[in-house]
Protein backbone atom coordinates (compact mmCIF):
# COMPACT_ATOMS: atom_id res chain seq x y z
CA MET A 1 -0.05 0.36 0.20
CA ASN A 2 1.01 3.50 -0.57
CA GLN A 3 0.44 6.91 0.68
CA ALA A 4 -1.31 9.70 -1.09
CA PRO A 5 1.02 11.46 -3.69
CA GLY A 6 3.50 13.62 -1.98
CA PHE A 7 3.30 17.32 -2.75
CA TYR A 8 1.46 20.26 -1.17
CA ARG A 9 0.59 23.39 -2.83
CA TYR A 10 0.53 27.24 -1.09
CA LYS A 11 0.93 30.76 -1.68
CA VAL A 12 3.37 33.20 -1.23
CA GLY A 13 1.81 36.29 -2.43
CA ASP A 14 1.03 35.96 -6.04
CA VAL A 15 4.11 32.93 -6.38
CA THR A 16 2.79 29.00 -6.14
CA VAL A 17 4.87 26.96 -3.99
CA THR A 18 4.80 23.23 -4.20
CA ALA A 19 6.73 21.21 -1.47
CA ILE A 20 7.69 17.92 -3.28
CA ASN A 21 8.49 15.27 -1.11
CA ASP A 22 11.30 12.46 -2.06
CA GLY A 23 10.87 10.07 0.96
CA PHE A 24 13.30 9.50 3.21
CA ALA A 25 16.58 7.78 5.14
CA LYS A 26 17.14 6.22 8.06
CA ARG A 27 19.83 7.25 10.62
CA PRO A 28 20.80 6.05 13.46
CA LEU A 29 20.88 7.88 16.82
CA ASP A 30 24.30 7.00 17.85
CA GLY A 31 26.61 10.03 16.61
CA LEU A 32 23.80 11.77 14.63
CA VAL A 33 24.29 14.89 17.18
CA ARG A 34 28.60 15.40 17.38
CA ASN A 35 28.21 17.59 21.30
CA ALA A 36 25.31 16.19 22.95
CA GLU A 37 25.03 12.95 24.94
CA LEU A 38 23.10 9.76 23.39
CA ALA A 39 20.89 9.92 26.20
CA ASP A 40 19.83 13.58 25.83
CA VAL A 41 18.96 13.04 22.12
CA LYS A 42 17.14 10.24 22.66
CA LYS A 43 15.33 12.23 25.57
CA ALA A 44 14.48 14.64 22.79
CA MET A 45 13.37 12.19 20.48
CA GLU A 46 10.74 10.92 23.14
CA GLN A 47 9.45 14.59 24.02
CA ALA A 48 8.98 14.72 20.20
CA PHE A 49 7.25 11.18 20.70
CA LEU A 50 9.93 9.90 17.71
CA PRO A 51 11.66 6.53 18.54
CA GLN A 52 14.79 6.11 20.03
CA ASP A 53 16.78 4.35 17.94
CA ALA A 54 16.97 6.12 14.63
CA LEU A 55 15.69 9.17 13.07
CA ASN A 56 13.84 9.35 9.94
CA ILE A 57 15.35 12.36 7.65
CA THR A 58 12.74 13.23 5.32
CA PHE A 59 13.91 15.30 1.88
CA THR A 60 11.18 17.95 0.73
CA THR A 61 12.24 20.26 -2.32
CA LEU A 62 10.29 23.19 -3.55
CA ALA A 63 9.19 24.24 -7.08
CA ILE A 64 8.16 27.89 -7.44
CA GLN A 65 5.71 28.95 -10.12
CA SER A 66 6.01 32.58 -10.53
CA GLY A 67 5.37 35.01 -14.02
CA GLY A 68 4.93 31.53 -16.04
CA LYS A 69 8.57 30.42 -14.72
CA LEU A 70 8.94 27.12 -12.54
CA THR A 71 11.83 27.22 -10.60
CA LEU A 72 13.53 24.54 -8.39
CA ILE A 73 15.42 24.95 -5.25
CA ASP A 74 17.26 21.32 -4.90
CA THR A 75 16.32 18.28 -6.66
CA GLY A 76 16.32 15.60 -4.27
CA ASN A 77 18.29 12.12 -4.08
CA GLY A 78 17.42 10.78 -7.52
CA ASP A 79 18.02 7.06 -7.79
CA SER A 80 21.36 7.76 -5.62
CA GLY A 81 19.86 7.74 -2.37
CA ALA A 82 18.52 5.21 0.50
CA PRO A 83 16.19 2.59 -0.51
CA THR A 84 13.04 4.73 1.14
CA SER A 85 13.68 7.77 -0.91
CA GLY A 86 13.45 8.55 -4.82
CA SER A 87 9.89 9.49 -4.73
CA TRP A 88 10.49 12.98 -6.14
CA MET A 89 9.63 12.61 -9.78
CA ALA A 90 6.47 10.44 -8.97
CA ASN A 91 5.50 12.91 -6.68
CA PHE A 92 6.64 16.13 -8.98
CA LYS A 93 4.67 14.54 -12.01
CA ALA A 94 1.73 13.78 -9.47
CA ALA A 95 1.51 17.56 -8.64
CA GLY A 96 0.80 18.43 -12.90
CA LEU A 97 4.49 19.31 -13.23
CA ASP A 98 7.07 18.61 -16.17
CA PRO A 99 10.98 18.26 -16.05
CA LYS A 100 11.07 19.61 -19.34
CA ASN A 101 9.44 22.81 -18.33
CA VAL A 102 11.52 23.65 -15.43
CA SER A 103 13.29 26.98 -16.64
CA SER A 104 15.69 27.37 -13.38
CA ILE A 105 17.26 24.86 -10.78
CA VAL A 106 18.75 26.93 -7.66
CA PHE A 107 21.37 24.80 -5.66
CA SER A 108 21.45 25.58 -1.82
CA HIS A 109 24.64 23.39 -1.26
CA PHE A 110 26.15 20.29 -2.96
CA HIS A 111 25.26 17.53 -0.68
CA GLY A 112 23.90 14.58 -2.61
CA ASP A 113 20.65 14.68 -1.37
CA HIS A 114 20.26 17.85 -2.69
CA ILE A 115 21.68 17.44 -6.40
CA ASN A 116 21.48 13.77 -7.33
CA GLY A 117 17.83 14.38 -8.70
CA PHE A 118 19.62 16.52 -11.23
CA ARG A 119 21.20 13.64 -12.97
CA LEU A 120 20.76 10.09 -12.73
CA LYS A 121 23.36 7.04 -12.03
CA ASP A 122 23.73 6.30 -15.74
CA GLY A 123 24.41 9.91 -16.42
CA SER A 124 21.07 11.17 -17.98
CA ALA A 125 20.48 14.37 -17.26
CA VAL A 126 17.02 15.10 -15.93
CA PHE A 127 15.99 18.54 -16.62
CA PRO A 128 17.03 19.50 -20.32
CA ASN A 129 15.83 22.78 -20.58
CA ALA A 130 16.70 24.46 -16.96
CA GLU A 131 19.45 26.97 -16.38
CA VAL A 132 21.60 25.83 -13.34
CA MET A 133 22.27 28.46 -10.67
CA VAL A 134 24.66 27.66 -7.52
CA PRO A 135 26.34 29.61 -4.69
CA ALA A 136 29.73 30.92 -5.60
CA ALA A 137 31.18 30.02 -2.72
CA GLU A 138 29.80 26.47 -2.59
CA TRP A 139 31.30 25.70 -6.10
CA ALA A 140 34.85 27.26 -4.89
CA PHE A 141 34.93 24.67 -2.33
CA TRP A 142 33.67 21.30 -4.04
CA MET A 143 35.55 21.77 -7.44
CA ASP A 144 38.47 22.69 -6.03
CA ASP A 145 40.82 20.14 -6.81
CA ALA A 146 43.47 20.79 -3.87
CA LYS A 147 40.55 20.50 -1.40
CA MET A 148 39.40 17.39 -3.19
CA ASN A 149 42.89 15.76 -2.82
CA ALA A 150 43.29 16.65 0.63
CA ALA A 151 40.08 15.67 2.04
CA PRO A 152 39.51 12.87 4.31
CA GLU A 153 38.79 9.64 2.79
CA ALA A 154 34.99 9.92 4.08
CA MET A 155 34.67 12.99 2.15
CA LYS A 156 35.97 12.21 -1.13
CA GLY A 157 32.76 10.65 -2.41
CA ALA A 158 31.18 13.91 -1.97
CA PHE A 159 33.90 15.40 -4.15
CA ALA A 160 33.39 12.99 -6.63
CA GLY A 161 29.69 13.24 -6.40
CA VAL A 162 29.85 17.10 -7.21
CA ARG A 163 32.36 16.49 -10.04
CA ARG A 164 29.56 13.97 -11.47
CA VAL A 165 26.65 15.74 -11.33
CA PHE A 166 28.16 19.34 -12.36
CA GLY A 167 31.07 18.10 -14.57
CA PRO A 168 29.35 17.90 -17.90
CA ILE A 169 27.54 21.37 -17.81
CA SER A 170 30.70 23.11 -15.87
CA LYS A 171 30.96 26.02 -18.21
CA ASP A 172 27.03 26.45 -18.39
CA VAL A 173 26.55 26.66 -14.58
CA LYS A 174 25.64 30.23 -13.00
CA GLN A 175 27.52 31.03 -9.79
CA PHE A 176 25.39 33.59 -7.62
CA GLU A 177 26.57 35.70 -4.90
CA PRO A 178 24.33 36.31 -1.77
CA GLY A 179 22.13 39.54 -1.25
CA LYS A 180 21.31 39.78 -5.04
CA GLU A 181 17.81 38.66 -6.54
CA ILE A 182 18.51 35.35 -8.91
CA VAL A 183 15.27 34.86 -10.06
CA PRO A 184 12.27 37.35 -9.44
CA GLY A 185 11.44 37.46 -5.96
CA LEU A 186 14.21 35.16 -4.64
CA THR A 187 17.14 36.52 -2.92
CA PRO A 188 20.17 34.19 -1.45
CA ILE A 189 21.42 34.89 1.97
CA ALA A 190 24.74 33.12 3.15
CA ALA A 191 24.21 30.14 5.48
CA PRO A 192 27.77 29.04 6.21
CA GLY A 193 28.16 26.15 8.08
CA HIS A 194 26.77 23.16 7.10
CA THR A 195 28.94 23.54 3.91
CA PRO A 196 31.29 26.23 3.40
CA GLY A 197 28.64 27.91 0.75
CA HIS A 198 25.52 26.33 2.23
CA THR A 199 22.69 29.02 1.41
CA VAL A 200 18.91 30.28 2.44
CA PHE A 201 16.96 32.10 0.26
CA ALA A 202 14.18 34.82 0.54
CA LEU A 203 11.26 34.50 -1.14
CA THR A 204 8.85 37.38 -1.05
CA SER A 205 5.54 38.43 -3.24
CA GLY A 206 3.38 41.25 -2.45
CA ASN A 207 3.34 40.93 1.47
CA GLY A 208 4.35 37.38 1.51
CA LYS A 209 7.68 36.36 2.92
CA LEU A 210 9.05 32.93 2.94
CA MET A 211 12.53 32.09 4.19
CA ILE A 212 13.63 28.59 2.93
CA MET A 213 15.80 27.40 5.44
CA SER A 214 17.67 24.53 3.37
CA ASP A 215 19.84 22.75 5.97
CA THR A 216 20.27 25.28 8.55
CA THR A 217 18.41 22.54 10.75
CA ASN A 218 18.14 19.06 10.25
CA HIS A 219 14.88 17.34 12.05
CA PRO A 220 13.73 20.71 14.16
CA ALA A 221 12.88 18.24 16.61
CA LEU A 222 16.59 18.01 17.60
CA PHE A 223 17.82 21.39 15.95
CA VAL A 224 15.32 23.83 16.36
CA ARG A 225 14.80 22.91 20.31
CA ASN A 226 18.22 22.69 20.53
CA PRO A 227 20.13 25.20 18.26
CA ASP A 228 23.35 24.68 19.52
CA TRP A 229 23.17 20.88 18.87
CA SER A 230 25.40 20.08 16.08
CA ALA A 231 24.97 17.24 13.31
CA VAL A 232 27.27 15.03 12.26
CA PHE A 233 26.62 16.42 8.43
CA ASP A 234 27.56 19.78 9.67
CA MET A 235 31.10 20.59 8.67
CA ASP A 236 31.90 23.26 10.69
CA GLY A 237 29.75 22.81 13.60
CA PRO A 238 30.42 26.00 15.42
CA GLN A 239 29.67 28.14 12.29
CA ALA A 240 26.68 26.21 11.59
CA ALA A 241 25.27 26.59 15.12
CA ALA A 242 25.88 30.06 15.01
CA THR A 243 24.27 30.77 11.53
CA ARG A 244 21.33 28.45 13.07
CA ARG A 245 20.28 30.89 16.21
CA ARG A 246 21.26 33.79 13.85
CA LEU A 247 18.59 32.43 11.57
CA LEU A 248 16.11 31.11 13.84
CA ASP A 249 16.15 34.51 15.65
CA MET A 250 15.49 36.32 12.79
CA VAL A 251 12.33 34.30 11.66
CA SER A 252 10.65 34.30 14.78
CA SER A 253 11.21 37.98 15.30
CA ASP A 254 10.02 38.87 11.83
CA ARG A 255 7.18 36.06 12.50
CA MET A 256 8.39 34.58 8.89
CA GLN A 257 7.03 31.83 7.09
CA VAL A 258 9.95 29.26 7.17
CA ALA A 259 10.02 26.05 4.76
CA PHE A 260 13.02 23.20 6.11
CA TYR A 261 14.55 20.32 3.49
CA HIS A 262 14.37 17.78 6.45
CA ALA A 263 11.27 18.98 8.44
CA PRO A 264 8.04 16.57 8.38
CA PHE A 265 6.10 17.13 5.29
CA PRO A 266 4.80 19.24 3.88
CA ALA A 267 7.87 21.03 6.19
CA VAL A 268 6.44 24.31 6.41
CA GLY A 269 5.31 26.58 9.26
CA HIS A 270 6.84 29.19 11.92
CA ILE A 271 9.21 29.68 14.35
CA ALA A 272 8.33 30.06 18.12
CA LYS A 273 11.07 31.43 20.42
CA ASP A 274 10.70 28.69 23.45
CA GLY A 275 13.16 29.19 26.52
CA THR A 276 16.61 28.63 25.19
CA GLY A 277 15.39 27.17 21.75
CA PHE A 278 13.11 27.34 19.28
CA GLU A 279 9.66 25.49 18.12
CA LEU A 280 8.75 25.14 14.77
CA VAL A 281 4.86 25.62 14.64
CA PRO A 282 3.84 23.57 11.03
CA VAL A 283 1.25 25.23 8.95
CA GLN A 284 -2.12 24.17 9.40
CA TRP A 285 -2.94 22.09 6.23
CA THR A 286 -5.53 23.54 3.73
CA PRO A 287 -6.89 22.23 0.67
CA ALA A 288 -7.33 25.91 -0.30
CA ILE A 289 -4.57 27.60 -2.02
């Protein structure tokens, strides 16, 4: 048996945003948080009514329809992820969208669960007509041969994955800097720590504002409630924590709507201050768009 297709539409001003789910990957809790005791992580999971042995890390990309153009923020795992992932294309098509109609793909950073949907294992490109836009700082890091050669063994696969996905189109990739609108209404904001060029995006239209938080946190039950915890996926833990606190403070103060790549589907809501941490308040599901 299957669930209903995993897509959810909502409006940000005049822009239509569609959240596209790409399944999940199961990650053992042991070693997930670098700077917290396993007992404390288990307690946080228990408080969130989640299992205490492993975390199901979900993946949700965004498709943005504005002015007749279709822009993607990240592309999911493609056919390279966990067996419980890879539902992105089925959900994208169920939402009535077509890969041929994607005009731009904006990448937040270069971890495999964000980029591998762009190019399948056999090398075929999935979005034939899309221009590709990437953070300049992210490109500079992952495409640097010296950094690749000096990387620890555990990271060599990530470097190879980036080259596999982007190598065939490297001459056509557009690099962007933070602070300048890259497609109408979408402005990148530097959010380093998770990776050197990790980027979040402010989407604005009319009175509507959405902060696309990318991987600022992994699961909110752990890393929104405990913003100083460092996930094993954060390349620079202290920098990621400082970025996380700054962004969560900002969106909670501004009462700005947020979307997270790894929050429970549809991965959108608001951030409320709660003691020394924060809380994700999910949107109320509605059939109205």
